[in-house]
């Protein structure tokens, strides 16, 4: 049976380079799955789980955004940031959420400084969700 060549790259390193049966990614419009023979396309990624399946085994990763380039035999993820679920520091993510919440309480809803804090909250909450998938 055909396999997908999967590559996950961040600005710092190549996190994943392997062959798999399926990849499920957090696209800008929701999760999408890719199997060998898929039609080529390019998608924005939102923070969330990137799952790589090989047979009955699934390996979850957290991606903080970026792009996915899909071809009939490959998936290349150019991620802003990524890490395996098993390496996620949940305590640190919760600390970042708490700190961002405290800063948001001091700002008006329309304050331009509030949006990056809201994005940080969304990202860290997704990171915790992915950590629970390991």
N, C-alpha and C. Protein backbone atom coordinates (compact mmCIF):
# COMPACT_ATOMS: atom_id res chain seq x y z
N UNK A 1 0.84 -1.19 0.00
CA UNK A 1 0.00 0.00 0.00
C UNK A 1 0.88 1.25 0.00
N UNK A 2 0.43 2.28 -0.69
CA UNK A 2 1.19 3.53 -0.80
C UNK A 2 1.23 4.24 0.55
N UNK A 3 2.28 5.00 0.74
CA UNK A 3 2.48 5.77 1.97
C UNK A 3 2.63 7.25 1.62
N UNK A 4 2.35 8.09 2.60
CA UNK A 4 2.60 9.52 2.48
C UNK A 4 3.98 9.83 3.04
N UNK A 5 4.71 10.67 2.36
CA UNK A 5 5.94 11.21 2.93
C UNK A 5 5.52 12.44 3.72
N UNK A 6 5.80 12.42 5.02
CA UNK A 6 5.36 13.49 5.91
C UNK A 6 6.59 14.23 6.44
N UNK A 7 6.51 15.55 6.37
CA UNK A 7 7.59 16.38 6.88
C UNK A 7 6.96 17.55 7.64
N UNK A 8 7.44 17.77 8.87
CA UNK A 8 7.01 18.91 9.67
C UNK A 8 8.26 19.71 10.00
N UNK A 9 8.26 20.96 9.56
CA UNK A 9 9.41 21.83 9.73
C UNK A 9 8.99 23.11 10.44
N UNK A 10 9.81 23.56 11.39
CA UNK A 10 9.62 24.85 12.06
C UNK A 10 10.81 25.72 11.68
N UNK A 11 10.78 27.01 12.01
CA UNK A 11 11.96 27.83 11.74
C UNK A 11 13.22 27.33 12.45
N UNK A 12 13.05 26.60 13.55
CA UNK A 12 14.20 26.13 14.32
C UNK A 12 14.73 24.77 13.89
N UNK A 13 13.84 23.88 13.41
CA UNK A 13 14.28 22.51 13.16
C UNK A 13 13.28 21.73 12.32
N UNK A 14 13.76 20.57 11.82
CA UNK A 14 12.87 19.61 11.17
C UNK A 14 12.40 18.68 12.28
N UNK A 15 11.13 18.72 12.61
CA UNK A 15 10.58 17.94 13.70
C UNK A 15 10.25 16.52 13.28
N UNK A 16 9.72 16.35 12.08
CA UNK A 16 9.26 15.05 11.61
C UNK A 16 9.66 14.86 10.16
N UNK A 17 10.15 13.67 9.86
CA UNK A 17 10.36 13.25 8.47
C UNK A 17 10.18 11.74 8.47
N UNK A 18 9.01 11.29 7.98
CA UNK A 18 8.70 9.87 8.01
C UNK A 18 7.64 9.54 6.98
N UNK A 19 7.28 8.27 6.91
CA UNK A 19 6.20 7.82 6.05
C UNK A 19 5.03 7.40 6.92
N UNK A 20 3.82 7.71 6.46
CA UNK A 20 2.62 7.42 7.24
C UNK A 20 1.46 7.08 6.31
N UNK A 21 0.40 6.56 6.93
CA UNK A 21 -0.82 6.22 6.18
C UNK A 21 -1.76 7.41 6.05
N UNK A 22 -1.76 8.30 7.05
CA UNK A 22 -2.71 9.41 7.07
C UNK A 22 -2.18 10.54 7.95
N UNK A 23 -2.56 11.76 7.58
CA UNK A 23 -2.27 12.94 8.39
C UNK A 23 -3.56 13.70 8.56
N UNK A 24 -3.83 14.11 9.80
CA UNK A 24 -5.00 14.95 10.09
C UNK A 24 -4.45 16.26 10.64
N UNK A 25 -4.82 17.37 9.99
CA UNK A 25 -4.25 18.67 10.31
C UNK A 25 -5.32 19.69 10.66
N UNK A 26 -4.96 20.70 11.48
CA UNK A 26 -5.91 21.75 11.87
C UNK A 26 -5.91 22.90 10.86
N UNK A 27 -6.65 22.74 9.78
CA UNK A 27 -6.73 23.79 8.76
C UNK A 27 -7.48 25.01 9.26
N UNK A 28 -7.33 26.09 8.54
CA UNK A 28 -8.00 27.35 8.92
C UNK A 28 -9.51 27.19 8.96
N UNK A 29 -10.06 26.27 8.17
CA UNK A 29 -11.51 26.04 8.13
C UNK A 29 -11.92 24.80 8.93
N UNK A 30 -10.99 24.21 9.67
CA UNK A 30 -11.27 23.02 10.46
C UNK A 30 -10.31 21.90 10.12
N UNK A 31 -10.46 20.77 10.81
CA UNK A 31 -9.58 19.63 10.59
C UNK A 31 -9.77 19.06 9.19
N UNK A 32 -8.67 18.61 8.58
CA UNK A 32 -8.76 17.91 7.31
C UNK A 32 -7.80 16.72 7.34
N UNK A 33 -8.17 15.69 6.61
CA UNK A 33 -7.37 14.48 6.56
C UNK A 33 -6.77 14.29 5.18
N UNK A 34 -5.58 13.69 5.15
CA UNK A 34 -4.89 13.43 3.89
C UNK A 34 -4.41 11.99 3.89
N UNK A 35 -4.70 11.29 2.79
CA UNK A 35 -4.20 9.93 2.56
C UNK A 35 -3.50 9.91 1.21
N UNK A 36 -2.72 8.88 0.95
CA UNK A 36 -2.04 8.80 -0.35
C UNK A 36 -3.03 8.96 -1.51
N UNK A 37 -2.62 9.71 -2.52
CA UNK A 37 -3.47 9.94 -3.69
C UNK A 37 -4.33 11.19 -3.57
N UNK A 38 -4.22 11.93 -2.46
CA UNK A 38 -5.03 13.13 -2.26
C UNK A 38 -4.72 14.18 -3.33
N UNK A 39 -5.71 14.97 -3.66
CA UNK A 39 -5.51 16.07 -4.61
C UNK A 39 -4.59 17.12 -3.99
N UNK A 40 -3.73 17.72 -4.79
CA UNK A 40 -2.82 18.74 -4.27
C UNK A 40 -3.58 19.99 -3.81
N UNK A 41 -3.14 20.58 -2.71
CA UNK A 41 -3.67 21.87 -2.26
C UNK A 41 -2.75 22.46 -1.20
N UNK A 42 -3.00 23.71 -0.87
CA UNK A 42 -2.25 24.44 0.13
C UNK A 42 -3.25 24.98 1.13
N UNK A 43 -2.96 24.85 2.43
CA UNK A 43 -3.89 25.32 3.46
C UNK A 43 -3.16 26.07 4.55
N UNK A 44 -3.79 27.12 5.04
CA UNK A 44 -3.34 27.76 6.27
C UNK A 44 -3.65 26.82 7.42
N UNK A 45 -2.82 26.85 8.46
CA UNK A 45 -3.08 26.05 9.66
C UNK A 45 -3.37 26.98 10.82
N UNK A 46 -4.25 26.54 11.69
CA UNK A 46 -4.52 27.24 12.94
C UNK A 46 -3.92 26.42 14.08
N UNK A 47 -3.75 27.01 15.25
CA UNK A 47 -3.22 26.22 16.37
C UNK A 47 -4.10 25.00 16.66
N UNK A 48 -3.46 23.85 16.85
CA UNK A 48 -4.22 22.65 17.15
C UNK A 48 -3.42 21.38 16.92
N UNK A 49 -4.14 20.26 16.91
CA UNK A 49 -3.47 18.95 16.80
C UNK A 49 -3.16 18.57 15.35
N UNK A 50 -1.96 18.08 15.15
CA UNK A 50 -1.57 17.47 13.89
C UNK A 50 -1.33 16.01 14.23
N UNK A 51 -2.13 15.13 13.66
CA UNK A 51 -2.04 13.71 13.99
C UNK A 51 -1.49 12.94 12.80
N UNK A 52 -0.45 12.16 13.05
CA UNK A 52 0.17 11.33 12.02
C UNK A 52 -0.16 9.89 12.36
N UNK A 53 -0.83 9.19 11.43
CA UNK A 53 -1.23 7.80 11.66
C UNK A 53 -0.43 6.85 10.79
N UNK A 54 0.06 5.81 11.44
CA UNK A 54 0.77 4.72 10.77
C UNK A 54 0.16 3.44 11.28
N UNK A 55 -0.65 2.79 10.44
CA UNK A 55 -1.37 1.60 10.88
C UNK A 55 -2.32 1.96 12.02
N UNK A 56 -2.25 1.22 13.11
CA UNK A 56 -3.12 1.47 14.26
C UNK A 56 -2.52 2.50 15.22
N UNK A 57 -1.30 2.94 14.94
CA UNK A 57 -0.59 3.86 15.83
C UNK A 57 -0.80 5.31 15.37
N UNK A 58 -1.14 6.20 16.32
CA UNK A 58 -1.28 7.63 16.05
C UNK A 58 -0.31 8.41 16.91
N UNK A 59 0.33 9.40 16.30
CA UNK A 59 1.26 10.26 17.04
C UNK A 59 0.77 11.70 16.92
N UNK A 60 0.33 12.29 18.06
CA UNK A 60 -0.15 13.67 18.01
C UNK A 60 0.98 14.68 18.21
N UNK A 61 0.87 15.79 17.50
CA UNK A 61 1.79 16.92 17.61
C UNK A 61 0.96 18.18 17.78
N UNK A 62 1.53 19.19 18.39
CA UNK A 62 0.88 20.49 18.45
C UNK A 62 1.55 21.40 17.43
N UNK A 63 0.73 22.07 16.61
CA UNK A 63 1.25 23.10 15.71
C UNK A 63 0.58 24.42 16.08
N UNK A 64 1.37 25.49 16.06
CA UNK A 64 0.83 26.78 16.48
C UNK A 64 0.35 27.63 15.30
N UNK A 65 0.36 27.06 14.12
CA UNK A 65 -0.06 27.76 12.91
C UNK A 65 0.96 27.50 11.82
N UNK A 66 0.72 28.06 10.65
CA UNK A 66 1.62 27.88 9.52
C UNK A 66 0.86 27.48 8.27
N UNK A 67 1.48 26.62 7.47
CA UNK A 67 0.91 26.17 6.21
C UNK A 67 1.10 24.66 6.06
N UNK A 68 0.18 24.03 5.33
CA UNK A 68 0.34 22.63 4.93
C UNK A 68 0.28 22.58 3.42
N UNK A 69 1.27 21.94 2.83
CA UNK A 69 1.32 21.73 1.39
C UNK A 69 1.08 20.24 1.16
N UNK A 70 0.02 19.93 0.43
CA UNK A 70 -0.38 18.55 0.21
C UNK A 70 -0.22 18.19 -1.26
N UNK A 71 0.35 17.02 -1.47
CA UNK A 71 0.45 16.46 -2.81
C UNK A 71 -0.08 15.03 -2.78
N UNK A 72 -0.14 14.34 -3.90
CA UNK A 72 -0.68 12.98 -3.92
C UNK A 72 0.10 12.00 -3.05
N UNK A 73 1.38 12.27 -2.81
CA UNK A 73 2.18 11.35 -2.03
C UNK A 73 2.94 12.00 -0.89
N UNK A 74 2.58 13.24 -0.58
CA UNK A 74 3.33 13.93 0.48
C UNK A 74 2.49 14.98 1.21
N UNK A 75 2.90 15.26 2.44
CA UNK A 75 2.35 16.36 3.23
C UNK A 75 3.55 17.07 3.85
N UNK A 76 3.69 18.34 3.52
CA UNK A 76 4.76 19.15 4.10
C UNK A 76 4.11 20.23 4.94
N UNK A 77 4.44 20.25 6.22
CA UNK A 77 3.90 21.25 7.15
C UNK A 77 5.01 22.24 7.47
N UNK A 78 4.77 23.48 7.15
CA UNK A 78 5.68 24.57 7.49
C UNK A 78 5.03 25.29 8.66
N UNK A 79 5.41 24.90 9.86
CA UNK A 79 4.74 25.36 11.06
C UNK A 79 5.47 26.55 11.70
N UNK A 80 4.68 27.47 12.25
CA UNK A 80 5.26 28.58 13.02
C UNK A 80 5.99 28.01 14.24
N UNK A 81 5.41 26.98 14.82
CA UNK A 81 5.98 26.26 15.95
C UNK A 81 5.30 24.91 16.04
N UNK A 82 6.00 23.92 16.53
CA UNK A 82 5.43 22.58 16.65
C UNK A 82 6.20 21.78 17.68
N UNK A 83 5.50 20.83 18.31
CA UNK A 83 6.15 19.93 19.25
C UNK A 83 5.31 18.68 19.44
N UNK A 84 5.96 17.55 19.74
CA UNK A 84 5.20 16.34 20.03
C UNK A 84 4.35 16.53 21.28
N UNK A 85 3.19 15.91 21.31
CA UNK A 85 2.29 16.04 22.47
C UNK A 85 2.98 15.62 23.75
N UNK A 86 3.82 14.60 23.67
CA UNK A 86 4.48 14.09 24.87
C UNK A 86 5.50 15.06 25.46
N UNK A 87 5.89 16.08 24.70
CA UNK A 87 6.86 17.07 25.20
C UNK A 87 6.20 18.36 25.71
N UNK A 88 4.90 18.44 25.67
CA UNK A 88 4.21 19.66 26.09
C UNK A 88 4.25 19.81 27.60
N UNK A 89 4.65 20.97 28.05
CA UNK A 89 4.68 21.31 29.47
C UNK A 89 3.34 21.96 29.83
N UNK A 90 2.41 21.16 30.34
CA UNK A 90 1.07 21.64 30.64
C UNK A 90 1.09 22.71 31.73
N UNK A 91 1.94 22.55 32.73
CA UNK A 91 2.03 23.55 33.81
C UNK A 91 2.45 24.90 33.25
N UNK A 92 3.40 24.92 32.32
CA UNK A 92 3.83 26.17 31.72
C UNK A 92 2.70 26.79 30.89
N UNK A 93 1.99 25.96 30.13
CA UNK A 93 0.86 26.47 29.34
C UNK A 93 -0.20 27.08 30.25
N UNK A 94 -0.50 26.43 31.37
CA UNK A 94 -1.49 26.97 32.31
C UNK A 94 -1.00 28.28 32.92
N UNK A 95 0.28 28.37 33.18
CA UNK A 95 0.85 29.61 33.72
C UNK A 95 0.70 30.75 32.71
N UNK A 96 0.98 30.47 31.45
CA UNK A 96 0.84 31.48 30.41
C UNK A 96 -0.62 31.93 30.27
N UNK A 97 -1.54 30.99 30.40
CA UNK A 97 -2.97 31.33 30.34
C UNK A 97 -3.34 32.24 31.49
N UNK A 98 -2.90 31.89 32.67
CA UNK A 98 -3.20 32.70 33.86
C UNK A 98 -2.65 34.12 33.72
N UNK A 99 -1.41 34.23 33.28
CA UNK A 99 -0.78 35.54 33.12
C UNK A 99 -1.51 36.38 32.06
N UNK A 100 -1.88 35.75 30.94
CA UNK A 100 -2.59 36.47 29.88
C UNK A 100 -3.97 36.91 30.37
N UNK A 101 -4.67 36.06 31.13
CA UNK A 101 -5.97 36.42 31.69
C UNK A 101 -5.85 37.66 32.58
N UNK A 102 -4.83 37.69 33.42
CA UNK A 102 -4.63 38.83 34.33
C UNK A 102 -4.37 40.11 33.54
N UNK A 103 -3.57 40.02 32.50
CA UNK A 103 -3.28 41.20 31.68
C UNK A 103 -4.53 41.68 30.93
N UNK A 104 -5.34 40.72 30.45
CA UNK A 104 -6.57 41.08 29.73
C UNK A 104 -7.57 41.81 30.63
N UNK A 105 -7.60 41.44 31.89
CA UNK A 105 -8.53 42.09 32.83
C UNK A 105 -8.23 43.58 32.98
N UNK A 106 -7.00 43.97 32.73
CA UNK A 106 -6.59 45.37 32.88
C UNK A 106 -6.81 46.19 31.60
N UNK A 107 -7.19 45.54 30.51
CA UNK A 107 -7.35 46.22 29.23
C UNK A 107 -8.81 46.35 28.84
N UNK A 108 -9.09 47.38 28.06
CA UNK A 108 -10.41 47.52 27.44
C UNK A 108 -10.52 46.48 26.32
N UNK A 109 -11.72 46.07 26.02
CA UNK A 109 -11.95 45.06 24.98
C UNK A 109 -11.39 45.52 23.64
N UNK A 110 -11.49 46.80 23.34
CA UNK A 110 -11.04 47.32 22.05
C UNK A 110 -9.57 47.70 22.01
N UNK A 111 -8.86 47.56 23.11
CA UNK A 111 -7.44 47.90 23.17
C UNK A 111 -6.66 47.01 22.20
N UNK A 112 -5.83 47.59 21.32
CA UNK A 112 -5.07 46.77 20.37
C UNK A 112 -4.12 45.78 21.04
N UNK A 113 -3.75 46.01 22.27
CA UNK A 113 -2.87 45.08 23.00
C UNK A 113 -3.61 43.81 23.43
N UNK A 114 -4.94 43.84 23.37
CA UNK A 114 -5.73 42.70 23.84
C UNK A 114 -5.71 41.53 22.84
N UNK A 115 -5.68 41.81 21.55
CA UNK A 115 -5.78 40.73 20.56
C UNK A 115 -4.61 39.74 20.64
N UNK A 116 -3.36 40.20 20.76
CA UNK A 116 -2.28 39.22 20.89
C UNK A 116 -2.43 38.36 22.15
N UNK A 117 -2.99 38.92 23.20
CA UNK A 117 -3.22 38.13 24.43
C UNK A 117 -4.32 37.10 24.21
N UNK A 118 -5.38 37.49 23.50
CA UNK A 118 -6.45 36.53 23.18
C UNK A 118 -5.92 35.40 22.30
N UNK A 119 -5.04 35.73 21.34
CA UNK A 119 -4.45 34.70 20.48
C UNK A 119 -3.56 33.77 21.30
N UNK A 120 -2.80 34.31 22.24
CA UNK A 120 -1.97 33.50 23.13
C UNK A 120 -2.86 32.54 23.94
N UNK A 121 -3.99 33.03 24.43
CA UNK A 121 -4.91 32.18 25.19
C UNK A 121 -5.42 31.03 24.33
N UNK A 122 -5.86 31.34 23.10
CA UNK A 122 -6.36 30.29 22.19
C UNK A 122 -5.27 29.24 21.93
N UNK A 123 -4.08 29.70 21.68
CA UNK A 123 -2.97 28.80 21.36
C UNK A 123 -2.62 27.90 22.55
N UNK A 124 -2.50 28.46 23.73
CA UNK A 124 -2.13 27.67 24.91
C UNK A 124 -3.24 26.69 25.31
N UNK A 125 -4.49 27.08 25.12
CA UNK A 125 -5.60 26.16 25.41
C UNK A 125 -5.56 24.97 24.44
N UNK A 126 -5.27 25.23 23.17
CA UNK A 126 -5.14 24.14 22.20
C UNK A 126 -3.94 23.25 22.55
N UNK A 127 -2.85 23.87 23.02
CA UNK A 127 -1.66 23.10 23.41
C UNK A 127 -2.03 22.11 24.51
N UNK A 128 -2.82 22.56 25.49
CA UNK A 128 -3.25 21.66 26.59
C UNK A 128 -4.13 20.55 26.07
N UNK A 129 -5.04 20.87 25.13
CA UNK A 129 -5.89 19.84 24.54
C UNK A 129 -5.04 18.77 23.84
N UNK A 130 -4.02 19.19 23.11
CA UNK A 130 -3.16 18.25 22.39
C UNK A 130 -2.37 17.39 23.39
N UNK A 131 -1.92 17.99 24.48
CA UNK A 131 -1.18 17.24 25.49
C UNK A 131 -2.02 16.10 26.05
N UNK A 132 -3.32 16.30 26.14
CA UNK A 132 -4.22 15.27 26.66
C UNK A 132 -4.39 14.10 25.67
N UNK A 133 -3.97 14.29 24.42
CA UNK A 133 -4.11 13.24 23.40
C UNK A 133 -3.01 12.20 23.46
N UNK A 134 -1.94 12.48 24.19
CA UNK A 134 -0.78 11.56 24.18
C UNK A 134 -1.05 10.23 24.80
